Amino acid sequence: MPDRPEIVCICGSARFADAMRAANRDLTFAGVIVLAPAEADGPVPEERKAALDALHLRKIDLADRVLVVNPGGYVGASTSREIAHARATGTPVSFTDPV
């Protein structure tokens, strides 16, 4: 057994919240520490969204790898920035669906 469980940061569009929750559950049950995007019940003010986006980049920095939840191959602008950040810092990136 490793010294610590693998840490995976989930990325993806908010429209795929259900799929991200399922990935979180499956990874957690497999013994993985999961870092996931924040969820909101309604609209998020732009200044709060910017702070949450920056926080998610720090989550990527903590992760051993990133899992992009992208049903149908969809990757939006925010997720593309997160992928670029992960790759720039050497964090491996995988996808649930072909891009």
PDB file of N, CA and C in Angstrom:
ATOM      1  N   MET A   1       0.851  -1.185   0.000  1.00  0.00           N
ATOM      2  CA  MET A   1       0.000   0.000   0.000  1.00  0.00           C
ATOM      3  C   MET A   1       0.894   1.245   0.000  1.00  0.00           C
ATOM      4  N   PRO A   2       0.543   2.248  -0.817  1.00  0.00           N
ATOM      5  CA  PRO A   2       1.358   3.469  -0.852  1.00  0.00           C
ATOM      6  C   PRO A   2       1.283   4.218   0.477  1.00  0.00           C
ATOM      7  N   ASP A   3       2.254   5.137   0.677  1.00  0.00           N
ATOM      8  CA  ASP A   3       2.283   5.936   1.899  1.00  0.00           C
ATOM      9  C   ASP A   3       1.010   6.762   2.078  1.00  0.00           C
ATOM     10  N   ARG A   4       0.456   7.198   0.962  1.00  0.00           N
ATOM     11  CA  ARG A   4      -0.789   7.958   1.018  1.00  0.00           C
ATOM     12  C   ARG A   4      -1.597   7.620  -0.230  1.00  0.00           C
ATOM     13  N   PRO A   5      -2.910   7.798  -0.155  1.00  0.00           N
ATOM     14  CA  PRO A   5      -3.739   7.544  -1.343  1.00  0.00           C
ATOM     15  C   PRO A   5      -3.430   8.541  -2.453  1.00  0.00           C
ATOM     16  N   GLU A   6      -3.706   8.148  -3.667  1.00  0.00           N
ATOM     17  CA  GLU A   6      -3.590   9.048  -4.807  1.00  0.00           C
ATOM     18  C   GLU A   6      -4.577  10.205  -4.619  1.00  0.00           C
ATOM     19  N   ILE A   7      -4.182  11.396  -5.088  1.00  0.00           N
ATOM     20  CA  ILE A   7      -5.045  12.575  -5.051  1.00  0.00           C
ATOM     21  C   ILE A   7      -5.411  12.932  -6.489  1.00  0.00           C
ATOM     22  N   VAL A   8      -6.713  12.976  -6.776  1.00  0.00           N
ATOM     23  CA  VAL A   8      -7.199  13.293  -8.116  1.00  0.00           C
ATOM     24  C   VAL A   8      -8.076  14.537  -8.039  1.00  0.00           C
ATOM     25  N   CYS A   9      -7.824  15.480  -8.923  1.00  0.00           N
ATOM     26  CA  CYS A   9      -8.654  16.678  -9.027  1.00  0.00           C
ATOM     27  C   CYS A   9      -9.581  16.500 -10.225  1.00  0.00           C
ATOM     28  N   ILE A  10     -10.874  16.603  -9.971  1.00  0.00           N
ATOM     29  CA  ILE A  10     -11.863  16.508 -11.032  1.00  0.00           C
ATOM     30  C   ILE A  10     -12.091  17.896 -11.626  1.00  0.00           C
ATOM     31  N   CYS A  11     -12.112  17.956 -12.963  1.00  0.00           N
ATOM     32  CA  CYS A  11     -12.420  19.187 -13.677  1.00  0.00           C
ATOM     33  C   CYS A  11     -13.530  18.894 -14.676  1.00  0.00           C
ATOM     34  N   GLY A  12     -14.300  19.925 -15.004  1.00  0.00           N
ATOM     35  CA  GLY A  12     -15.350  19.768 -16.002  1.00  0.00           C
ATOM     36  C   GLY A  12     -16.359  20.882 -15.894  1.00  0.00           C
ATOM     37  N   SER A  13     -17.208  20.940 -16.880  1.00  0.00           N
ATOM     38  CA  SER A  13     -18.252  21.957 -16.927  1.00  0.00           C
ATOM     39  C   SER A  13     -19.300  21.701 -15.851  1.00  0.00           C
ATOM     40  N   ALA A  14     -19.829  22.791 -15.294  1.00  0.00           N
ATOM     41  CA  ALA A  14     -20.884  22.676 -14.278  1.00  0.00           C
ATOM     42  C   ALA A  14     -22.108  21.943 -14.823  1.00  0.00           C
ATOM     43  N   ARG A  15     -22.282  21.940 -16.131  1.00  0.00           N
ATOM     44  CA  ARG A  15     -23.426  21.222 -16.721  1.00  0.00           C
ATOM     45  C   ARG A  15     -23.313  19.714 -16.520  1.00  0.00           C
ATOM     46  N   PHE A  16     -22.100  19.250 -16.165  1.00  0.00           N
ATOM     47  CA  PHE A  16     -21.881  17.827 -15.935  1.00  0.00           C
ATOM     48  C   PHE A  16     -21.757  17.508 -14.442  1.00  0.00           C
ATOM     49  N   ALA A  17     -22.446  18.284 -13.606  1.00  0.00           N
ATOM     50  CA  ALA A  17     -22.348  18.109 -12.150  1.00  0.00           C
ATOM     51  C   ALA A  17     -22.684  16.692 -11.722  1.00  0.00           C
ATOM     52  N   ASP A  18     -23.708  16.094 -12.303  1.00  0.00           N
ATOM     53  CA  ASP A  18     -24.082  14.725 -11.922  1.00  0.00           C
ATOM     54  C   ASP A  18     -22.967  13.741 -12.270  1.00  0.00           C
ATOM     55  N   ALA A  19     -22.369  13.895 -13.443  1.00  0.00           N
ATOM     56  CA  ALA A  19     -21.277  13.005 -13.860  1.00  0.00           C
ATOM     57  C   ALA A  19     -20.049  13.219 -12.980  1.00  0.00           C
ATOM     58  N   MET A  20     -19.794  14.473 -12.575  1.00  0.00           N
ATOM     59  CA  MET A  20     -18.651  14.728 -11.687  1.00  0.00           C
ATOM     60  C   MET A  20     -18.900  14.128 -10.307  1.00  0.00           C
ATOM     61  N   ARG A  21     -20.143  14.211  -9.807  1.00  0.00           N
ATOM     62  CA  ARG A  21     -20.469  13.575  -8.523  1.00  0.00           C
ATOM     63  C   ARG A  21     -20.265  12.065  -8.605  1.00  0.00           C
ATOM     64  N   ALA A  22     -20.658  11.462  -9.721  1.00  0.00           N
ATOM     65  CA  ALA A  22     -20.481  10.012  -9.898  1.00  0.00           C
ATOM     66  C   ALA A  22     -19.002   9.657  -9.938  1.00  0.00           C
ATOM     67  N   ALA A  23     -18.194  10.448 -10.641  1.00  0.00           N
ATOM     68  CA  ALA A  23     -16.749  10.201 -10.693  1.00  0.00           C
ATOM     69  C   ALA A  23     -16.141  10.343  -9.302  1.00  0.00           C
ATOM     70  N   ASN A  24     -16.588  11.362  -8.557  1.00  0.00           N
ATOM     71  CA  ASN A  24     -16.117  11.575  -7.185  1.00  0.00           C
ATOM     72  C   ASN A  24     -16.421  10.350  -6.336  1.00  0.00           C
ATOM     73  N   ARG A  25     -17.660   9.878  -6.410  1.00  0.00           N
ATOM     74  CA  ARG A  25     -18.064   8.708  -5.637  1.00  0.00           C
ATOM     75  C   ARG A  25     -17.230   7.477  -6.017  1.00  0.00           C
ATOM     76  N   ASP A  26     -17.094   7.222  -7.312  1.00  0.00           N
ATOM     77  CA  ASP A  26     -16.364   6.030  -7.765  1.00  0.00           C
ATOM     78  C   ASP A  26     -14.895   6.083  -7.337  1.00  0.00           C
ATOM     79  N   LEU A  27     -14.275   7.244  -7.488  1.00  0.00           N
ATOM     80  CA  LEU A  27     -12.874   7.390  -7.085  1.00  0.00           C
ATOM     81  C   LEU A  27     -12.729   7.245  -5.571  1.00  0.00           C
ATOM     82  N   THR A  28     -13.624   7.866  -4.830  1.00  0.00           N
ATOM     83  CA  THR A  28     -13.560   7.784  -3.368  1.00  0.00           C
ATOM     84  C   THR A  28     -13.702   6.344  -2.903  1.00  0.00           C
ATOM     85  N   PHE A  29     -14.656   5.611  -3.480  1.00  0.00           N
ATOM     86  CA  PHE A  29     -14.845   4.206  -3.113  1.00  0.00           C
ATOM     87  C   PHE A  29     -13.638   3.356  -3.506  1.00  0.00           C
ATOM     88  N   ALA A  30     -12.848   3.832  -4.477  1.00  0.00           N
ATOM     89  CA  ALA A  30     -11.636   3.131  -4.889  1.00  0.00           C
ATOM     90  C   ALA A  30     -10.433   3.521  -4.028  1.00  0.00           C
ATOM     91  N   GLY A  31     -10.656   4.384  -3.012  1.00  0.00           N
ATOM     92  CA  GLY A  31      -9.585   4.751  -2.098  1.00  0.00           C
ATOM     93  C   GLY A  31      -8.785   5.967  -2.503  1.00  0.00           C
ATOM     94  N   VAL A  32      -9.334   6.776  -3.388  1.00  0.00           N
ATOM     95  CA  VAL A  32      -8.654   7.974  -3.894  1.00  0.00           C
ATOM     96  C   VAL A  32      -9.153   9.197  -3.122  1.00  0.00           C
ATOM     97  N   ILE A  33      -8.247  10.132  -2.845  1.00  0.00           N
ATOM     98  CA  ILE A  33      -8.637  11.436  -2.302  1.00  0.00           C
ATOM     99  C   ILE A  33      -9.065  12.286  -3.491  1.00  0.00           C
ATOM    100  N   VAL A  34     -10.277  12.845  -3.433  1.00  0.00           N
ATOM    101  CA  VAL A  34     -10.829  13.592  -4.559  1.00  0.00           C
ATOM    102  C   VAL A  34     -10.956  15.068  -4.214  1.00  0.00           C
ATOM    103  N   LEU A  35     -10.450  15.899  -5.106  1.00  0.00           N
ATOM    104  CA  LEU A  35     -10.629  17.350  -5.033  1.00  0.00           C
ATOM    105  C   LEU A  35     -11.557  17.712  -6.182  1.00  0.00           C
ATOM    106  N   ALA A  36     -12.668  18.370  -5.874  1.00  0.00           N
ATOM    107  CA  ALA A  36     -13.682  18.639  -6.893  1.00  0.00           C
ATOM    108  C   ALA A  36     -14.047  20.118  -6.919  1.00  0.00           C
ATOM    109  N   PRO A  37     -14.642  20.563  -8.025  1.00  0.00           N
ATOM    110  CA  PRO A  37     -15.078  21.956  -8.109  1.00  0.00           C
ATOM    111  C   PRO A  37     -16.171  22.252  -7.083  1.00  0.00           C
ATOM    112  N   ALA A  38     -16.262  23.501  -6.700  1.00  0.00           N
ATOM    113  CA  ALA A  38     -17.341  23.942  -5.819  1.00  0.00           C
ATOM    114  C   ALA A  38     -18.653  23.874  -6.579  1.00  0.00           C
ATOM    115  N   GLU A  39     -19.729  23.638  -5.850  1.00  0.00           N
ATOM    116  CA  GLU A  39     -21.062  23.639  -6.455  1.00  0.00           C
ATOM    117  C   GLU A  39     -21.876  24.766  -5.830  1.00  0.00           C
ATOM    118  N   ALA A  40     -22.678  25.419  -6.657  1.00  0.00           N
ATOM    119  CA  ALA A  40     -23.537  26.512  -6.175  1.00  0.00           C
ATOM    120  C   ALA A  40     -24.983  26.172  -6.483  1.00  0.00           C
ATOM    121  N   ASP A  41     -25.874  26.696  -5.673  1.00  0.00           N
ATOM    122  CA  ASP A  41     -27.308  26.464  -5.881  1.00  0.00           C
ATOM    123  C   ASP A  41     -27.912  27.448  -6.881  1.00  0.00           C
ATOM    124  N   GLY A  42     -27.181  28.481  -7.212  1.00  0.00           N
ATOM    125  CA  GLY A  42     -27.699  29.499  -8.121  1.00  0.00           C
ATOM    126  C   GLY A  42     -26.561  30.267  -8.746  1.00  0.00           C
ATOM    127  N   PRO A  43     -26.882  31.406  -9.343  1.00  0.00           N
ATOM    128  CA  PRO A  43     -25.847  32.228  -9.984  1.00  0.00           C
ATOM    129  C   PRO A  43     -24.769  32.655  -8.985  1.00  0.00           C
ATOM    130  N   VAL A  44     -23.542  32.711  -9.480  1.00  0.00           N
ATOM    131  CA  VAL A  44     -22.401  33.117  -8.656  1.00  0.00           C
ATOM    132  C   VAL A  44     -21.901  34.463  -9.188  1.00  0.00           C
ATOM    133  N   PRO A  45     -21.774  35.472  -8.312  1.00  0.00           N
ATOM    134  CA  PRO A  45     -21.241  36.771  -8.763  1.00  0.00           C
ATOM    135  C   PRO A  45     -19.851  36.607  -9.376  1.00  0.00           C
ATOM    136  N   GLU A  46     -19.544  37.446 -10.359  1.00  0.00           N
ATOM    137  CA  GLU A  46     -18.277  37.335 -11.090  1.00  0.00           C
ATOM    138  C   GLU A  46     -17.051  37.350 -10.174  1.00  0.00           C
ATOM    139  N   GLU A  47     -17.050  38.211  -9.146  1.00  0.00           N
ATOM    140  CA  GLU A  47     -15.876  38.267  -8.261  1.00  0.00           C
ATOM    141  C   GLU A  47     -15.720  36.966  -7.476  1.00  0.00           C
ATOM    142  N   ARG A  48     -16.820  36.358  -7.102  1.00  0.00           N
ATOM    143  CA  ARG A  48     -16.773  35.066  -6.393  1.00  0.00           C
ATOM    144  C   ARG A  48     -16.320  33.969  -7.355  1.00  0.00           C
ATOM    145  N   LYS A  49     -16.811  34.006  -8.611  1.00  0.00           N
ATOM    146  CA  LYS A  49     -16.424  33.013  -9.608  1.00  0.00           C
ATOM    147  C   LYS A  49     -14.922  33.072  -9.852  1.00  0.00           C
ATOM    148  N   ALA A  50     -14.363  34.267  -9.947  1.00  0.00           N
ATOM    149  CA  ALA A  50     -12.919  34.409 -10.156  1.00  0.00           C
ATOM    150  C   ALA A  50     -12.144  33.800  -8.990  1.00  0.00           C
ATOM    151  N   ALA A  51     -12.614  34.021  -7.768  1.00  0.00           N
ATOM    152  CA  ALA A  51     -11.944  33.453  -6.591  1.00  0.00           C
ATOM    153  C   ALA A  51     -12.058  31.930  -6.585  1.00  0.00           C
ATOM    154  N   LEU A  52     -13.219  31.401  -6.951  1.00  0.00           N
ATOM    155  CA  LEU A  52     -13.388  29.946  -7.007  1.00  0.00           C
ATOM    156  C   LEU A  52     -12.531  29.324  -8.106  1.00  0.00           C
ATOM    157  N   ASP A  53     -12.411  30.005  -9.245  1.00  0.00           N
ATOM    158  CA  ASP A  53     -11.553  29.511 -10.328  1.00  0.00           C
ATOM    159  C   ASP A  53     -10.098  29.441  -9.876  1.00  0.00           C
ATOM    160  N   ALA A  54      -9.641  30.473  -9.164  1.00  0.00           N
ATOM    161  CA  ALA A  54      -8.262  30.481  -8.654  1.00  0.00           C
ATOM    162  C   ALA A  54      -8.069  29.377  -7.619  1.00  0.00           C
ATOM    163  N   LEU A  55      -9.056  29.168  -6.769  1.00  0.00           N
ATOM    164  CA  LEU A  55      -8.981  28.107  -5.773  1.00  0.00           C
ATOM    165  C   LEU A  55      -8.893  26.737  -6.446  1.00  0.00           C
ATOM    166  N   HIS A  56      -9.637  26.554  -7.523  1.00  0.00           N
ATOM    167  CA  HIS A  56      -9.596  25.259  -8.211  1.00  0.00           C
ATOM    168  C   HIS A  56      -8.217  25.002  -8.829  1.00  0.00           C
ATOM    169  N   LEU A  57      -7.553  26.048  -9.303  1.00  0.00           N
ATOM    170  CA  LEU A  57      -6.183  25.878  -9.813  1.00  0.00           C
ATOM    171  C   LEU A  57      -5.255  25.407  -8.693  1.00  0.00           C
ATOM    172  N   ARG A  58      -5.454  25.896  -7.475  1.00  0.00           N
ATOM    173  CA  ARG A  58      -4.639  25.440  -6.339  1.00  0.00           C
ATOM    174  C   ARG A  58      -4.934  23.972  -6.028  1.00  0.00           C
ATOM    175  N   LYS A  59      -6.192  23.553  -6.200  1.00  0.00           N
ATOM    176  CA  LYS A  59      -6.525  22.137  -6.028  1.00  0.00           C
ATOM    177  C   LYS A  59      -5.756  21.285  -7.040  1.00  0.00           C
ATOM    178  N   ILE A  60      -5.678  21.767  -8.269  1.00  0.00           N
ATOM    179  CA  ILE A  60      -4.905  21.062  -9.299  1.00  0.00           C
ATOM    180  C   ILE A  60      -3.454  20.941  -8.870  1.00  0.00           C
ATOM    181  N   ASP A  61      -2.918  21.999  -8.258  1.00  0.00           N
ATOM    182  CA  ASP A  61      -1.529  21.978  -7.789  1.00  0.00           C
ATOM    183  C   ASP A  61      -1.299  20.891  -6.737  1.00  0.00           C
ATOM    184  N   LEU A  62      -2.324  20.574  -5.955  1.00  0.00           N
ATOM    185  CA  LEU A  62      -2.209  19.554  -4.910  1.00  0.00           C
ATOM    186  C   LEU A  62      -2.348  18.129  -5.448  1.00  0.00           C
ATOM    187  N   ALA A  63      -2.907  17.993  -6.642  1.00  0.00           N
ATOM    188  CA  ALA A  63      -3.282  16.683  -7.168  1.00  0.00           C
ATOM    189  C   ALA A  63      -2.113  15.936  -7.806  1.00  0.00           C
ATOM    190  N   ASP A  64      -2.220  14.611  -7.763  1.00  0.00           N
ATOM    191  CA  ASP A  64      -1.286  13.753  -8.492  1.00  0.00           C
ATOM    192  C   ASP A  64      -1.667  13.682  -9.964  1.00  0.00           C
ATOM    193  N   ARG A  65      -2.952  13.828 -10.230  1.00  0.00           N
ATOM    194  CA  ARG A  65      -3.430  13.842 -11.611  1.00  0.00           C
ATOM    195  C   ARG A  65      -4.794  14.527 -11.659  1.00  0.00           C
ATOM    196  N   VAL A  66      -5.180  14.910 -12.873  1.00  0.00           N
ATOM    197  CA  VAL A  66      -6.463  15.559 -13.128  1.00  0.00           C
ATOM    198  C   VAL A  66      -7.317  14.607 -13.958  1.00  0.00           C
ATOM    199  N   LEU A  67      -8.590  14.493 -13.591  1.00  0.00           N
ATOM    200  CA  LEU A  67      -9.558  13.758 -14.389  1.00  0.00           C
ATOM    201  C   LEU A  67     -10.569  14.764 -14.915  1.00  0.00           C
ATOM    202  N   VAL A  68     -10.634  14.899 -16.240  1.00  0.00           N
ATOM    203  CA  VAL A  68     -11.589  15.798 -16.866  1.00  0.00           C
ATOM    204  C   VAL A  68     -12.849  14.993 -17.197  1.00  0.00           C
ATOM    205  N   VAL A  69     -13.955  15.403 -16.610  1.00  0.00           N
ATOM    206  CA  VAL A  69     -15.249  14.782 -16.897  1.00  0.00           C
ATOM    207  C   VAL A  69     -15.822  15.544 -18.087  1.00  0.00           C
ATOM    208  N   ASN A  70     -15.863  14.866 -19.235  1.00  0.00           N
ATOM    209  CA  ASN A  70     -16.241  15.536 -20.481  1.00  0.00           C
ATOM    210  C   ASN A  70     -17.152  14.674 -21.351  1.00  0.00           C
ATOM    211  N   PRO A  71     -18.375  14.396 -20.874  1.00  0.00           N
ATOM    212  CA  PRO A  71     -19.300  13.600 -21.682  1.00  0.00           C
ATOM    213  C   PRO A  71     -19.443  14.149 -23.100  1.00  0.00           C
ATOM    214  N   GLY A  72     -19.380  13.253 -24.070  1.00  0.00           N
ATOM    215  CA  GLY A  72     -19.486  13.669 -25.465  1.00  0.00           C
ATOM    216  C   GLY A  72     -18.265  14.392 -25.985  1.00  0.00           C
ATOM    217  N   GLY A  73     -17.198  14.470 -25.176  1.00  0.00           N
ATOM    218  CA  GLY A  73     -15.970  15.146 -25.595  1.00  0.00           C
ATOM    219  C   GLY A  73     -15.956  16.638 -25.350  1.00  0.00           C
ATOM    220  N   TYR A  74     -17.007  17.183 -24.725  1.00  0.00           N
ATOM    221  CA  TYR A  74     -17.083  18.632 -24.516  1.00  0.00           C
ATOM    222  C   TYR A  74     -16.084  19.119 -23.471  1.00  0.00           C
ATOM    223  N   VAL A  75     -15.329  20.154 -23.839  1.00  0.00           N
ATOM    224  CA  VAL A  75     -14.430  20.844 -22.920  1.00  0.00           C
ATOM    225  C   VAL A  75     -14.620  22.337 -23.151  1.00  0.00           C
ATOM    226  N   GLY A  76     -15.106  23.047 -22.132  1.00  0.00           N
ATOM    227  CA  GLY A  76     -15.352  24.478 -22.250  1.00  0.00           C
ATOM    228  C   GLY A  76     -14.113  25.306 -21.956  1.00  0.00           C
ATOM    229  N   ALA A  77     -14.290  26.609 -21.979  1.00  0.00           N
ATOM    230  CA  ALA A  77     -13.179  27.543 -21.801  1.00  0.00           C
ATOM    231  C   ALA A  77     -12.524  27.422 -20.427  1.00  0.00           C
ATOM    232  N   SER A  78     -13.323  27.369 -19.367  1.00  0.00           N
ATOM    233  CA  SER A  78     -12.751  27.274 -18.014  1.00  0.00           C
ATOM    234  C   SER A  78     -11.983  25.968 -17.843  1.00  0.00           C
ATOM    235  N   THR A  79     -12.566  24.882 -18.313  1.00  0.00           N
ATOM    236  CA  THR A  79     -11.895  23.588 -18.195  1.00  0.00           C
ATOM    237  C   THR A  79     -10.628  23.566 -19.037  1.00  0.00           C
ATOM    238  N   SER A  80     -10.654  24.197 -20.198  1.00  0.00           N
ATOM    239  CA  SER A  80      -9.447  24.288 -21.036  1.00  0.00           C
ATOM    240  C   SER A  80      -8.317  25.008 -20.301  1.00  0.00           C
ATOM    241  N   ARG A  81      -8.669  26.077 -19.565  1.00  0.00           N
ATOM    242  CA  ARG A  81      -7.649  26.792 -18.770  1.00  0.00           C
ATOM    243  C   ARG A  81      -7.092  25.887 -17.676  1.00  0.00           C
ATOM    244  N   GLU A  82      -7.968  25.102 -17.052  1.00  0.00           N
ATOM    245  CA  GLU A  82      -7.514  24.190 -16.000  1.00  0.00           C
ATOM    246  C   GLU A  82      -6.595  23.111 -16.571  1.00  0.00           C
ATOM    247  N   ILE A  83      -6.926  22.592 -17.740  1.00  0.00           N
ATOM    248  CA  ILE A  83      -6.078  21.592 -18.401  1.00  0.00           C
ATOM    249  C   ILE A  83      -4.716  22.200 -18.720  1.00  0.00           C
ATOM    250  N   ALA A  84      -4.714  23.421 -19.253  1.00  0.00           N
ATOM    251  CA  ALA A  84      -3.450  24.101 -19.583  1.00  0.00           C
ATOM    252  C   ALA A  84      -2.611  24.299 -18.324  1.00  0.00           C
ATOM    253  N   HIS A  85      -3.255  24.666 -17.223  1.00  0.00           N
ATOM    254  CA  HIS A  85      -2.536  24.858 -15.958  1.00  0.00           C
ATOM    255  C   HIS A  85      -1.922  23.542 -15.499  1.00  0.00           C
ATOM    256  N   ALA A  86      -2.699  22.476 -15.539  1.00  0.00           N
ATOM    257  CA  ALA A  86      -2.189  21.173 -15.114  1.00  0.00           C
ATOM    258  C   ALA A  86      -0.998  20.758 -15.968  1.00  0.00           C
ATOM    259  N   ARG A  87      -1.123  20.885 -17.266  1.00  0.00           N
ATOM    260  CA  ARG A  87      -0.024  20.490 -18.160  1.00  0.00           C
ATOM    261  C   ARG A  87       1.209  21.358 -17.941  1.00  0.00           C
ATOM    262  N   ALA A  88       1.003  22.650 -17.695  1.00  0.00           N
ATOM    263  CA  ALA A  88       2.136  23.556 -17.472  1.00  0.00           C
ATOM    264  C   ALA A  88       2.891  23.199 -16.195  1.00  0.00           C
ATOM    265  N   THR A  89       2.198  22.625 -15.237  1.00  0.00           N
ATOM    266  CA  THR A  89       2.843  22.263 -13.966  1.00  0.00           C
ATOM    267  C   THR A  89       3.247  20.788 -13.928  1.00  0.00           C
ATOM    268  N   GLY A  90       3.039  20.074 -15.056  1.00  0.00           N
ATOM    269  CA  GLY A  90       3.461  18.684 -15.124  1.00  0.00           C
ATOM    270  C   GLY A  90       2.502  17.686 -14.500  1.00  0.00           C
ATOM    271  N   THR A  91       1.270  18.115 -14.234  1.00  0.00           N
ATOM    272  CA  THR A  91       0.275  17.208 -13.655  1.00  0.00           C
ATOM    273  C   THR A  91      -0.398  16.437 -14.787  1.00  0.00           C
ATOM    274  N   PRO A  92      -0.375  15.110 -14.742  1.00  0.00           N
ATOM    275  CA  PRO A  92      -1.008  14.324 -15.803  1.00  0.00           C
ATOM    276  C   PRO A  92      -2.510  14.595 -15.887  1.00  0.00           C
ATOM    277  N   VAL A  93      -3.035  14.566 -17.101  1.00  0.00           N
ATOM    278  CA  VAL A  93      -4.443  14.837 -17.368  1.00  0.00           C
ATOM    279  C   VAL A  93      -5.037  13.648 -18.123  1.00  0.00           C
ATOM    280  N   SER A  94      -6.191  13.170 -17.661  1.00  0.00           N
ATOM    281  CA  SER A  94      -6.928  12.144 -18.395  1.00  0.00           C
ATOM    282  C   SER A  94      -8.371  12.617 -18.554  1.00  0.00           C
ATOM    283  N   PHE A  95      -9.099  11.964 -19.450  1.00  0.00           N
ATOM    284  CA  PHE A  95     -10.451  12.366 -19.799  1.00  0.00           C
ATOM    285  C   PHE A  95     -11.381  11.163 -19.669  1.00  0.00           C
ATOM    286  N   THR A  96     -12.650  11.431 -19.324  1.00  0.00           N
ATOM    287  CA  THR A  96     -13.625  10.354 -19.271  1.00  0.00           C
ATOM    288  C   THR A  96     -14.079   9.955 -20.674  1.00  0.00           C
ATOM    289  N   ASP A  97     -14.053  10.891 -21.617  1.00  0.00           N
ATOM    290  CA  ASP A  97     -14.465  10.643 -22.999  1.00  0.00           C
ATOM    291  C   ASP A  97     -13.396  11.182 -23.944  1.00  0.00           C
ATOM    292  N   PRO A  98     -13.293  10.608 -25.141  1.00  0.00           N
ATOM    293  CA  PRO A  98     -12.332  11.145 -26.114  1.00  0.00           C
ATOM    294  C   PRO A  98     -12.617  12.606 -26.408  1.00  0.00           C
ATOM    295  N   VAL A  99     -11.565  13.366 -26.596  1.00  0.00           N
ATOM    296  CA  VAL A  99     -11.695  14.798 -26.884  1.00  0.00           C
ATOM    297  C   VAL A  99     -11.816  14.995 -28.379  1.00  0.00           C
TER     298      VAL A  99
END
